């Protein structure tokens, strides 16, 4: 059954997977940045550091979920 799938369809699936991972990381980073910066009144540097950390963690989790 695997040989019936065209290479273009496989590439499309890969693009969707990486798009999902990037979107998940971006949304998590924006969320934690806004939470830190405006709700918790943290400094810009601290907010950016936490946003980067949560973005990387969210990308890792999305990658693991996409490969299930």
PDB file of N, CA and C in Angstrom:
ATOM      1  N   UNK A   1       0.825  -1.193   0.000  1.00  0.00           N
ATOM      2  CA  UNK A   1       0.000   0.000   0.000  1.00  0.00           C
ATOM      3  C   UNK A   1       0.864   1.248   0.000  1.00  0.00           C
ATOM      4  N   UNK A   2       2.033   1.140   0.587  1.00  0.00           N
ATOM      5  CA  UNK A   2       2.936   2.284   0.674  1.00  0.00           C
ATOM      6  C   UNK A   2       3.379   2.760  -0.711  1.00  0.00           C
ATOM      7  N   UNK A   3       3.546   1.824  -1.656  1.00  0.00           N
ATOM      8  CA  UNK A   3       4.015   2.201  -2.981  1.00  0.00           C
ATOM      9  C   UNK A   3       2.946   2.901  -3.820  1.00  0.00           C
ATOM     10  N   UNK A   4       1.704   2.893  -3.372  1.00  0.00           N
ATOM     11  CA  UNK A   4       0.630   3.567  -4.098  1.00  0.00           C
ATOM     12  C   UNK A   4       0.551   5.060  -3.786  1.00  0.00           C
ATOM     13  N   UNK A   5       1.235   5.496  -2.743  1.00  0.00           N
ATOM     14  CA  UNK A   5       1.227   6.906  -2.372  1.00  0.00           C
ATOM     15  C   UNK A   5       2.283   7.630  -3.201  1.00  0.00           C
ATOM     16  N   UNK A   6       1.887   8.716  -3.827  1.00  0.00           N
ATOM     17  CA  UNK A   6       2.828   9.456  -4.673  1.00  0.00           C
ATOM     18  C   UNK A   6       3.839  10.214  -3.812  1.00  0.00           C
ATOM     19  N   UNK A   7       5.030  10.473  -4.355  1.00  0.00           N
ATOM     20  CA  UNK A   7       6.038  11.241  -3.595  1.00  0.00           C
ATOM     21  C   UNK A   7       5.561  12.648  -3.254  1.00  0.00           C
ATOM     22  N   UNK A   8       4.757  13.240  -4.124  1.00  0.00           N
ATOM     23  CA  UNK A   8       4.238  14.587  -3.840  1.00  0.00           C
ATOM     24  C   UNK A   8       3.330  14.565  -2.620  1.00  0.00           C
ATOM     25  N   UNK A   9       2.540  13.518  -2.465  1.00  0.00           N
ATOM     26  CA  UNK A   9       1.657  13.411  -1.305  1.00  0.00           C
ATOM     27  C   UNK A   9       2.473  13.215  -0.028  1.00  0.00           C
ATOM     28  N   UNK A  10       3.573  12.480  -0.128  1.00  0.00           N
ATOM     29  CA  UNK A  10       4.425  12.290   1.048  1.00  0.00           C
ATOM     30  C   UNK A  10       5.080  13.607   1.462  1.00  0.00           C
ATOM     31  N   UNK A  11       5.540  14.399   0.473  1.00  0.00           N
ATOM     32  CA  UNK A  11       6.154  15.686   0.798  1.00  0.00           C
ATOM     33  C   UNK A  11       5.131  16.630   1.400  1.00  0.00           C
ATOM     34  N   UNK A  12       3.914  16.572   0.925  1.00  0.00           N
ATOM     35  CA  UNK A  12       2.857  17.421   1.468  1.00  0.00           C
ATOM     36  C   UNK A  12       2.602  17.088   2.936  1.00  0.00           C
ATOM     37  N   UNK A  13       2.623  15.811   3.264  1.00  0.00           N
ATOM     38  CA  UNK A  13       2.450  15.395   4.649  1.00  0.00           C
ATOM     39  C   UNK A  13       3.594  15.871   5.528  1.00  0.00           C
ATOM     40  N   UNK A  14       4.808  15.838   4.984  1.00  0.00           N
ATOM     41  CA  UNK A  14       5.971  16.304   5.748  1.00  0.00           C
ATOM     42  C   UNK A  14       5.893  17.801   5.989  1.00  0.00           C
ATOM     43  N   UNK A  15       5.444  18.539   4.982  1.00  0.00           N
ATOM     44  CA  UNK A  15       5.306  19.992   5.136  1.00  0.00           C
ATOM     45  C   UNK A  15       4.244  20.309   6.172  1.00  0.00           C
ATOM     46  N   UNK A  16       3.142  19.580   6.152  1.00  0.00           N
ATOM     47  CA  UNK A  16       2.093  19.803   7.149  1.00  0.00           C
ATOM     48  C   UNK A  16       2.600  19.500   8.548  1.00  0.00           C
ATOM     49  N   UNK A  17       3.408  18.449   8.676  1.00  0.00           N
ATOM     50  CA  UNK A  17       3.937  18.081   9.991  1.00  0.00           C
ATOM     51  C   UNK A  17       4.836  19.189  10.536  1.00  0.00           C
ATOM     52  N   UNK A  18       5.761  19.683   9.707  1.00  0.00           N
ATOM     53  CA  UNK A  18       6.675  20.725  10.183  1.00  0.00           C
ATOM     54  C   UNK A  18       5.940  22.041  10.397  1.00  0.00           C
ATOM     55  N   UNK A  19       4.895  22.282   9.608  1.00  0.00           N
ATOM     56  CA  UNK A  19       4.083  23.475   9.823  1.00  0.00           C
ATOM     57  C   UNK A  19       3.348  23.408  11.157  1.00  0.00           C
ATOM     58  N   UNK A  20       2.841  22.230  11.481  1.00  0.00           N
ATOM     59  CA  UNK A  20       2.177  22.022  12.759  1.00  0.00           C
ATOM     60  C   UNK A  20       3.140  22.245  13.924  1.00  0.00           C
ATOM     61  N   UNK A  21       4.353  21.739  13.777  1.00  0.00           N
ATOM     62  CA  UNK A  21       5.352  21.892  14.832  1.00  0.00           C
ATOM     63  C   UNK A  21       5.707  23.369  15.019  1.00  0.00           C
ATOM     64  N   UNK A  22       5.927  24.069  13.913  1.00  0.00           N
ATOM     65  CA  UNK A  22       6.270  25.493  13.982  1.00  0.00           C
ATOM     66  C   UNK A  22       5.129  26.316  14.578  1.00  0.00           C
ATOM     67  N   UNK A  23       3.899  26.008  14.174  1.00  0.00           N
ATOM     68  CA  UNK A  23       2.752  26.732  14.707  1.00  0.00           C
ATOM     69  C   UNK A  23       2.608  26.486  16.208  1.00  0.00           C
ATOM     70  N   UNK A  24       2.793  25.258  16.627  1.00  0.00           N
ATOM     71  CA  UNK A  24       2.678  24.912  18.036  1.00  0.00           C
ATOM     72  C   UNK A  24       3.729  25.660  18.867  1.00  0.00           C
ATOM     73  N   UNK A  25       4.946  25.706  18.364  1.00  0.00           N
ATOM     74  CA  UNK A  25       6.029  26.404  19.065  1.00  0.00           C
ATOM     75  C   UNK A  25       5.763  27.899  19.129  1.00  0.00           C
ATOM     76  N   UNK A  26       5.301  28.469  18.032  1.00  0.00           N
ATOM     77  CA  UNK A  26       5.045  29.910  17.991  1.00  0.00           C
ATOM     78  C   UNK A  26       3.915  30.309  18.929  1.00  0.00           C
ATOM     79  N   UNK A  27       2.845  29.553  18.934  1.00  0.00           N
ATOM     80  CA  UNK A  27       1.710  29.874  19.809  1.00  0.00           C
ATOM     81  C   UNK A  27       2.113  29.761  21.275  1.00  0.00           C
ATOM     82  N   UNK A  28       2.870  28.727  21.614  1.00  0.00           N
ATOM     83  CA  UNK A  28       3.315  28.573  22.998  1.00  0.00           C
ATOM     84  C   UNK A  28       4.241  29.714  23.413  1.00  0.00           C
ATOM     85  N   UNK A  29       5.140  30.107  22.507  1.00  0.00           N
ATOM     86  CA  UNK A  29       6.079  31.192  22.825  1.00  0.00           C
ATOM     87  C   UNK A  29       5.345  32.516  23.005  1.00  0.00           C
ATOM     88  N   UNK A  30       4.408  32.805  22.125  1.00  0.00           N
ATOM     89  CA  UNK A  30       3.641  34.054  22.244  1.00  0.00           C
ATOM     90  C   UNK A  30       2.818  34.059  23.523  1.00  0.00           C
ATOM     91  N   UNK A  31       2.194  32.940  23.828  1.00  0.00           N
ATOM     92  CA  UNK A  31       1.373  32.855  25.034  1.00  0.00           C
ATOM     93  C   UNK A  31       2.207  33.118  26.286  1.00  0.00           C
ATOM     94  N   UNK A  32       3.341  32.439  26.407  1.00  0.00           N
ATOM     95  CA  UNK A  32       4.134  32.600  27.626  1.00  0.00           C
ATOM     96  C   UNK A  32       4.765  33.980  27.677  1.00  0.00           C
ATOM     97  N   UNK A  33       5.121  34.552  26.513  1.00  0.00           N
ATOM     98  CA  UNK A  33       5.665  35.911  26.501  1.00  0.00           C
ATOM     99  C   UNK A  33       4.630  36.899  27.030  1.00  0.00           C
ATOM    100  N   UNK A  34       3.402  36.811  26.517  1.00  0.00           N
ATOM    101  CA  UNK A  34       2.353  37.733  26.961  1.00  0.00           C
ATOM    102  C   UNK A  34       2.021  37.531  28.435  1.00  0.00           C
ATOM    103  N   UNK A  35       2.003  36.291  28.869  1.00  0.00           N
ATOM    104  CA  UNK A  35       1.732  35.997  30.273  1.00  0.00           C
ATOM    105  C   UNK A  35       2.809  36.603  31.173  1.00  0.00           C
ATOM    106  N   UNK A  36       4.062  36.355  30.824  1.00  0.00           N
ATOM    107  CA  UNK A  36       5.172  36.872  31.631  1.00  0.00           C
ATOM    108  C   UNK A  36       5.222  38.398  31.607  1.00  0.00           C
ATOM    109  N   UNK A  37       5.121  38.963  30.427  1.00  0.00           N
ATOM    110  CA  UNK A  37       5.353  40.396  30.261  1.00  0.00           C
ATOM    111  C   UNK A  37       4.247  41.245  30.871  1.00  0.00           C
ATOM    112  N   UNK A  38       2.996  40.872  30.619  1.00  0.00           N
ATOM    113  CA  UNK A  38       1.899  41.740  31.024  1.00  0.00           C
ATOM    114  C   UNK A  38       1.171  41.279  32.281  1.00  0.00           C
ATOM    115  N   UNK A  39       1.039  39.995  32.480  1.00  0.00           N
ATOM    116  CA  UNK A  39       0.343  39.511  33.672  1.00  0.00           C
ATOM    117  C   UNK A  39       1.270  39.475  34.877  1.00  0.00           C
ATOM    118  N   UNK A  40       2.492  39.006  34.676  1.00  0.00           N
ATOM    119  CA  UNK A  40       3.428  38.880  35.792  1.00  0.00           C
ATOM    120  C   UNK A  40       4.407  40.037  35.881  1.00  0.00           C
ATOM    121  N   UNK A  41       4.330  40.968  34.938  1.00  0.00           N
ATOM    122  CA  UNK A  41       5.180  42.179  34.913  1.00  0.00           C
ATOM    123  C   UNK A  41       6.669  41.853  34.968  1.00  0.00           C
ATOM    124  N   UNK A  42       7.086  40.876  34.203  1.00  0.00           N
ATOM    125  CA  UNK A  42       8.501  40.511  34.141  1.00  0.00           C
ATOM    126  C   UNK A  42       9.227  41.429  33.156  1.00  0.00           C
ATOM    127  N   UNK A  43      10.538  41.448  33.249  1.00  0.00           N
ATOM    128  CA  UNK A  43      11.325  42.272  32.324  1.00  0.00           C
ATOM    129  C   UNK A  43      11.267  41.667  30.918  1.00  0.00           C
ATOM    130  N   UNK A  44      11.670  42.470  29.941  1.00  0.00           N
ATOM    131  CA  UNK A  44      11.655  42.015  28.548  1.00  0.00           C
ATOM    132  C   UNK A  44      12.595  40.828  28.355  1.00  0.00           C
ATOM    133  N   UNK A  45      13.768  40.890  28.944  1.00  0.00           N
ATOM    134  CA  UNK A  45      14.740  39.810  28.793  1.00  0.00           C
ATOM    135  C   UNK A  45      14.228  38.499  29.378  1.00  0.00           C
ATOM    136  N   UNK A  46      13.638  38.594  30.553  1.00  0.00           N
ATOM    137  CA  UNK A  46      13.099  37.400  31.201  1.00  0.00           C
ATOM    138  C   UNK A  46      11.944  36.822  30.386  1.00  0.00           C
ATOM    139  N   UNK A  47      11.078  37.682  29.899  1.00  0.00           N
ATOM    140  CA  UNK A  47       9.941  37.227  29.097  1.00  0.00           C
ATOM    141  C   UNK A  47      10.406  36.533  27.819  1.00  0.00           C
ATOM    142  N   UNK A  48      11.409  37.105  27.164  1.00  0.00           N
ATOM    143  CA  UNK A  48      11.931  36.490  25.943  1.00  0.00           C
ATOM    144  C   UNK A  48      12.613  35.157  26.226  1.00  0.00           C
ATOM    145  N   UNK A  49      13.315  35.072  27.323  1.00  0.00           N
ATOM    146  CA  UNK A  49      13.977  33.820  27.685  1.00  0.00           C
ATOM    147  C   UNK A  49      12.961  32.718  27.955  1.00  0.00           C
ATOM    148  N   UNK A  50      11.913  33.042  28.699  1.00  0.00           N
ATOM    149  CA  UNK A  50      10.862  32.064  28.964  1.00  0.00           C
ATOM    150  C   UNK A  50      10.109  31.696  27.687  1.00  0.00           C
ATOM    151  N   UNK A  51       9.885  32.675  26.816  1.00  0.00           N
ATOM    152  CA  UNK A  51       9.205  32.392  25.550  1.00  0.00           C
ATOM    153  C   UNK A  51      10.036  31.430  24.703  1.00  0.00           C
ATOM    154  N   UNK A  52      11.330  31.654  24.644  1.00  0.00           N
ATOM    155  CA  UNK A  52      12.212  30.762  23.894  1.00  0.00           C
ATOM    156  C   UNK A  52      12.198  29.357  24.491  1.00  0.00           C
ATOM    157  N   UNK A  53      12.280  29.274  25.801  1.00  0.00           N
ATOM    158  CA  UNK A  53      12.276  27.970  26.475  1.00  0.00           C
ATOM    159  C   UNK A  53      10.984  27.204  26.215  1.00  0.00           C
ATOM    160  N   UNK A  54       9.851  27.882  26.393  1.00  0.00           N
ATOM    161  CA  UNK A  54       8.578  27.207  26.174  1.00  0.00           C
ATOM    162  C   UNK A  54       8.352  26.879  24.712  1.00  0.00           C
ATOM    163  N   UNK A  55       8.828  27.726  23.806  1.00  0.00           N
ATOM    164  CA  UNK A  55       8.713  27.444  22.379  1.00  0.00           C
ATOM    165  C   UNK A  55       9.470  26.196  21.986  1.00  0.00           C
ATOM    166  N   UNK A  56      10.688  26.045  22.501  1.00  0.00           N
ATOM    167  CA  UNK A  56      11.493  24.859  22.206  1.00  0.00           C
ATOM    168  C   UNK A  56      10.837  23.605  22.796  1.00  0.00           C
ATOM    169  N   UNK A  57      10.342  23.714  24.011  1.00  0.00           N
ATOM    170  CA  UNK A  57       9.661  22.561  24.637  1.00  0.00           C
ATOM    171  C   UNK A  57       8.395  22.188  23.872  1.00  0.00           C
ATOM    172  N   UNK A  58       7.634  23.182  23.452  1.00  0.00           N
ATOM    173  CA  UNK A  58       6.411  22.916  22.695  1.00  0.00           C
ATOM    174  C   UNK A  58       6.734  22.279  21.346  1.00  0.00           C
ATOM    175  N   UNK A  59       7.812  22.729  20.711  1.00  0.00           N
ATOM    176  CA  UNK A  59       8.217  22.124  19.438  1.00  0.00           C
ATOM    177  C   UNK A  59       8.615  20.667  19.638  1.00  0.00           C
ATOM    178  N   UNK A  60       9.320  20.384  20.724  1.00  0.00           N
ATOM    179  CA  UNK A  60       9.692  19.000  21.020  1.00  0.00           C
ATOM    180  C   UNK A  60       8.485  18.112  21.254  1.00  0.00           C
ATOM    181  N   UNK A  61       7.526  18.624  22.001  1.00  0.00           N
ATOM    182  CA  UNK A  61       6.309  17.841  22.243  1.00  0.00           C
ATOM    183  C   UNK A  61       5.507  17.631  20.963  1.00  0.00           C
ATOM    184  N   UNK A  62       5.400  18.665  20.149  1.00  0.00           N
ATOM    185  CA  UNK A  62       4.666  18.544  18.884  1.00  0.00           C
ATOM    186  C   UNK A  62       5.366  17.555  17.950  1.00  0.00           C
ATOM    187  N   UNK A  63       6.695  17.568  17.957  1.00  0.00           N
ATOM    188  CA  UNK A  63       7.448  16.626  17.126  1.00  0.00           C
ATOM    189  C   UNK A  63       7.183  15.183  17.555  1.00  0.00           C
ATOM    190  N   UNK A  64       7.193  14.962  18.860  1.00  0.00           N
ATOM    191  CA  UNK A  64       6.917  13.607  19.362  1.00  0.00           C
ATOM    192  C   UNK A  64       5.493  13.168  19.022  1.00  0.00           C
ATOM    193  N   UNK A  65       4.544  14.090  19.124  1.00  0.00           N
ATOM    194  CA  UNK A  65       3.155  13.759  18.798  1.00  0.00           C
ATOM    195  C   UNK A  65       2.982  13.482  17.301  1.00  0.00           C
ATOM    196  N   UNK A  66       3.684  14.245  16.477  1.00  0.00           N
ATOM    197  CA  UNK A  66       3.556  14.078  15.028  1.00  0.00           C
ATOM    198  C   UNK A  66       4.160  12.762  14.550  1.00  0.00           C
ATOM    199  N   UNK A  67       5.077  12.209  15.302  1.00  0.00           N
ATOM    200  CA  UNK A  67       5.727  10.953  14.911  1.00  0.00           C
ATOM    201  C   UNK A  67       5.112   9.728  15.572  1.00  0.00           C
ATOM    202  N   UNK A  68       3.981   9.861  16.168  1.00  0.00           N
ATOM    203  CA  UNK A  68       3.315   8.712  16.802  1.00  0.00           C
ATOM    204  C   UNK A  68       2.725   7.807  15.777  1.00  0.00           C
TER     205      UNK A  68
END
